[in-house]
N, C-alpha and C. Protein backbone atom coordinates (compact mmCIF):
# COMPACT_ATOMS: atom_id res chain seq x y z
N UNK A 1 -21.91 89.32 55.15
CA UNK A 1 -21.00 89.11 54.13
C UNK A 1 -21.65 88.53 52.90
N UNK A 2 -21.20 88.70 51.99
CA UNK A 2 -21.62 88.39 50.44
C UNK A 2 -20.75 87.51 49.74
N UNK A 3 -20.98 86.61 49.37
CA UNK A 3 -20.48 85.85 48.40
C UNK A 3 -20.67 85.46 47.00
N UNK A 4 -19.99 85.63 46.37
CA UNK A 4 -20.11 85.24 44.62
C UNK A 4 -19.80 83.98 44.09
N UNK A 5 -20.46 83.34 43.96
CA UNK A 5 -20.68 81.74 43.23
C UNK A 5 -20.88 81.76 41.81
N UNK A 6 -19.96 81.87 41.24
CA UNK A 6 -20.17 81.51 39.68
C UNK A 6 -20.97 80.25 39.28
N UNK A 7 -20.54 79.31 39.81
CA UNK A 7 -20.97 77.88 39.67
C UNK A 7 -22.05 77.50 40.47
N UNK A 8 -22.86 78.43 40.95
CA UNK A 8 -24.30 78.13 41.43
C UNK A 8 -25.37 78.65 40.71
N UNK A 9 -25.61 77.55 39.54
CA UNK A 9 -26.63 77.46 38.58
C UNK A 9 -28.02 77.10 38.72
N UNK A 10 -28.35 76.29 39.77
CA UNK A 10 -29.81 75.75 39.71
C UNK A 10 -30.24 75.66 41.42
N UNK A 11 -31.47 75.23 41.50
CA UNK A 11 -31.97 74.85 43.13
C UNK A 11 -30.80 73.85 43.50
N UNK A 12 -30.56 72.75 42.98
CA UNK A 12 -29.59 71.86 43.58
C UNK A 12 -28.31 72.60 44.43
N UNK A 13 -27.68 73.28 43.34
CA UNK A 13 -26.46 74.04 44.00
C UNK A 13 -26.90 74.92 45.04
N UNK A 14 -28.00 75.46 45.00
CA UNK A 14 -28.40 76.43 46.15
C UNK A 14 -28.56 75.70 47.43
N UNK A 15 -29.05 74.46 46.87
CA UNK A 15 -28.96 73.75 48.41
C UNK A 15 -27.70 72.97 48.75
N UNK A 16 -27.22 72.97 48.12
CA UNK A 16 -25.65 72.45 48.41
C UNK A 16 -24.90 73.55 48.98
N UNK A 17 -24.78 74.95 48.55
CA UNK A 17 -24.39 76.03 49.11
C UNK A 17 -25.06 76.09 50.49
N UNK A 18 -26.28 76.18 50.72
CA UNK A 18 -26.62 76.39 51.89
C UNK A 18 -26.28 75.02 53.03
N UNK A 19 -26.38 73.87 52.65
CA UNK A 19 -25.59 73.04 53.57
C UNK A 19 -24.17 73.38 54.04
N UNK A 20 -23.50 73.81 53.02
CA UNK A 20 -21.91 74.11 53.13
C UNK A 20 -21.79 75.18 54.30
N UNK A 21 -22.65 75.99 54.10
CA UNK A 21 -22.76 77.56 55.09
C UNK A 21 -23.16 76.72 56.47
N UNK A 22 -24.43 75.94 56.72
CA UNK A 22 -24.90 75.46 57.57
C UNK A 22 -23.83 74.52 58.57
N UNK A 23 -22.99 74.16 57.68
CA UNK A 23 -21.82 72.95 57.94
C UNK A 23 -21.03 73.80 59.02
N UNK A 24 -20.94 75.04 58.88
CA UNK A 24 -19.97 76.00 59.31
C UNK A 24 -20.88 76.59 60.94
N UNK A 25 -21.93 77.09 60.12
CA UNK A 25 -22.81 77.97 61.50
C UNK A 25 -24.14 77.68 61.37
N UNK A 26 -24.59 76.62 62.05
CA UNK A 26 -26.11 76.27 61.79
C UNK A 26 -27.23 77.32 62.10
N UNK A 27 -26.54 78.28 62.66
CA UNK A 27 -27.57 79.43 62.86
C UNK A 27 -27.60 80.77 62.24
N UNK A 28 -26.63 80.34 60.89
CA UNK A 28 -26.26 81.56 60.15
C UNK A 28 -27.66 81.72 59.43
N UNK A 29 -27.70 83.01 59.04
CA UNK A 29 -28.99 83.61 58.25
C UNK A 29 -28.50 83.69 56.99
N UNK A 30 -29.29 82.82 55.99
CA UNK A 30 -28.71 82.68 54.63
C UNK A 30 -29.47 83.30 53.72
N UNK A 31 -29.41 84.18 52.61
CA UNK A 31 -30.19 84.69 51.39
C UNK A 31 -29.42 84.48 50.09
N UNK A 32 -30.19 83.81 49.27
CA UNK A 32 -29.63 83.09 48.08
C UNK A 32 -30.27 83.87 46.93
N UNK A 33 -29.40 84.91 46.13
CA UNK A 33 -29.87 85.17 44.89
C UNK A 33 -29.33 84.43 43.48
N UNK A 34 -30.18 83.19 42.95
CA UNK A 34 -29.83 82.82 42.02
C UNK A 34 -29.57 83.30 40.77
N UNK A 35 -30.09 84.75 40.48
CA UNK A 35 -29.83 84.92 39.32
C UNK A 35 -28.68 85.46 39.06
N UNK A 36 -28.37 86.39 40.51
CA UNK A 36 -27.06 87.11 40.54
C UNK A 36 -25.98 86.21 40.91
N UNK A 37 -26.23 84.84 41.07
CA UNK A 37 -25.42 84.00 41.81
C UNK A 37 -24.47 84.59 43.08
N UNK A 38 -25.66 85.12 43.82
CA UNK A 38 -24.86 85.83 45.12
C UNK A 38 -25.49 85.14 46.48
N UNK A 39 -24.61 85.09 47.36
CA UNK A 39 -25.10 84.67 48.96
C UNK A 39 -24.95 85.64 50.02
N UNK A 40 -25.72 85.91 50.81
CA UNK A 40 -25.66 86.67 51.51
C UNK A 40 -25.74 85.96 53.12
N UNK A 41 -24.80 85.67 53.93
CA UNK A 41 -24.67 85.32 55.17
C UNK A 41 -24.59 86.15 56.28
N UNK A 42 -25.55 85.86 57.13
CA UNK A 42 -25.18 86.59 58.44
C UNK A 42 -24.82 85.43 59.68
N UNK A 43 -23.47 85.82 60.18
CA UNK A 43 -23.09 85.18 61.23
C UNK A 43 -21.88 86.00 61.85
N UNK A 44 -22.00 85.39 63.19
CA UNK A 44 -20.72 85.93 64.09
C UNK A 44 -19.63 85.73 63.81
N UNK A 45 -19.17 84.50 62.64
CA UNK A 45 -18.15 84.29 62.39
C UNK A 45 -17.55 84.66 61.24
N UNK A 46 -16.00 84.58 61.11
CA UNK A 46 -15.38 85.54 59.97
C UNK A 46 -15.55 84.64 58.45
N UNK A 47 -15.46 85.55 57.45
CA UNK A 47 -15.69 84.52 56.32
C UNK A 47 -14.74 83.65 55.57
N UNK A 48 -13.51 83.39 56.66
CA UNK A 48 -13.07 82.42 55.93
C UNK A 48 -13.35 80.88 56.13
N UNK A 49 -13.94 80.79 57.01
CA UNK A 49 -14.40 79.06 57.38
C UNK A 49 -15.55 78.98 56.32
N UNK A 50 -16.48 79.82 56.05
CA UNK A 50 -17.19 79.65 54.76
C UNK A 50 -16.88 79.20 53.63
N UNK A 51 -15.82 80.41 53.26
CA UNK A 51 -15.18 80.12 52.24
C UNK A 51 -14.50 78.63 51.65
N UNK A 52 -14.10 78.55 52.62
CA UNK A 52 -13.20 77.21 52.75
C UNK A 52 -14.47 75.76 52.61
N UNK A 53 -15.75 76.10 53.62
CA UNK A 53 -16.50 75.07 53.06
C UNK A 53 -17.39 74.94 51.99
N UNK A 54 -17.28 76.42 51.30
CA UNK A 54 -17.86 76.24 49.86
C UNK A 54 -16.74 75.89 48.67
N UNK A 55 -15.76 75.61 48.94
CA UNK A 55 -14.82 75.42 48.15
C UNK A 55 -14.68 73.84 48.47
N UNK A 56 -14.56 73.14 49.59
CA UNK A 56 -14.71 71.98 49.69
C UNK A 56 -16.11 71.17 48.65
N UNK A 57 -17.25 71.93 48.85
CA UNK A 57 -18.40 71.62 48.33
C UNK A 57 -18.58 71.76 46.89
N UNK A 58 -17.36 72.37 46.56
CA UNK A 58 -17.22 72.52 44.98
C UNK A 58 -18.04 73.60 44.52
N UNK A 59 -18.01 74.78 45.63
CA UNK A 59 -18.51 75.93 44.76
C UNK A 59 -17.85 77.24 45.38
N UNK A 60 -16.61 77.49 44.61
CA UNK A 60 -15.46 78.36 45.11
C UNK A 60 -16.16 79.72 44.91
N UNK A 61 -15.71 80.46 45.93
CA UNK A 61 -16.24 81.68 46.01
C UNK A 61 -15.25 82.77 45.28
N UNK A 62 -15.56 83.72 44.67
CA UNK A 62 -14.83 84.76 44.05
C UNK A 62 -15.36 86.01 44.57
N UNK A 63 -14.33 87.31 44.35
CA UNK A 63 -14.69 88.45 45.26
C UNK A 63 -16.22 89.13 44.39
N UNK A 64 -16.92 89.39 45.40
CA UNK A 64 -18.25 90.37 45.25
C UNK A 64 -17.78 91.63 45.33
N UNK A 65 -18.69 92.40 44.92
CA UNK A 65 -18.83 93.84 45.11
C UNK A 65 -19.75 94.18 46.35
N UNK A 66 -19.68 94.68 47.22
CA UNK A 66 -20.20 95.10 48.38
C UNK A 66 -19.75 94.34 49.63
């Protein structure tokens, strides 16, 4: 699944996003592209818990293409 996170603007933000995702699924595979402000997550869980955790962490998700 791919998330677009407009507020992820620096390395510290990327680390916070990673922690939020890992709080939902510690085994998730995460690929962050800071330039496009997108995160790709490979997990067996649905997107909703990740979206909720990211919102609580201060990084709300907006719809992303693909």
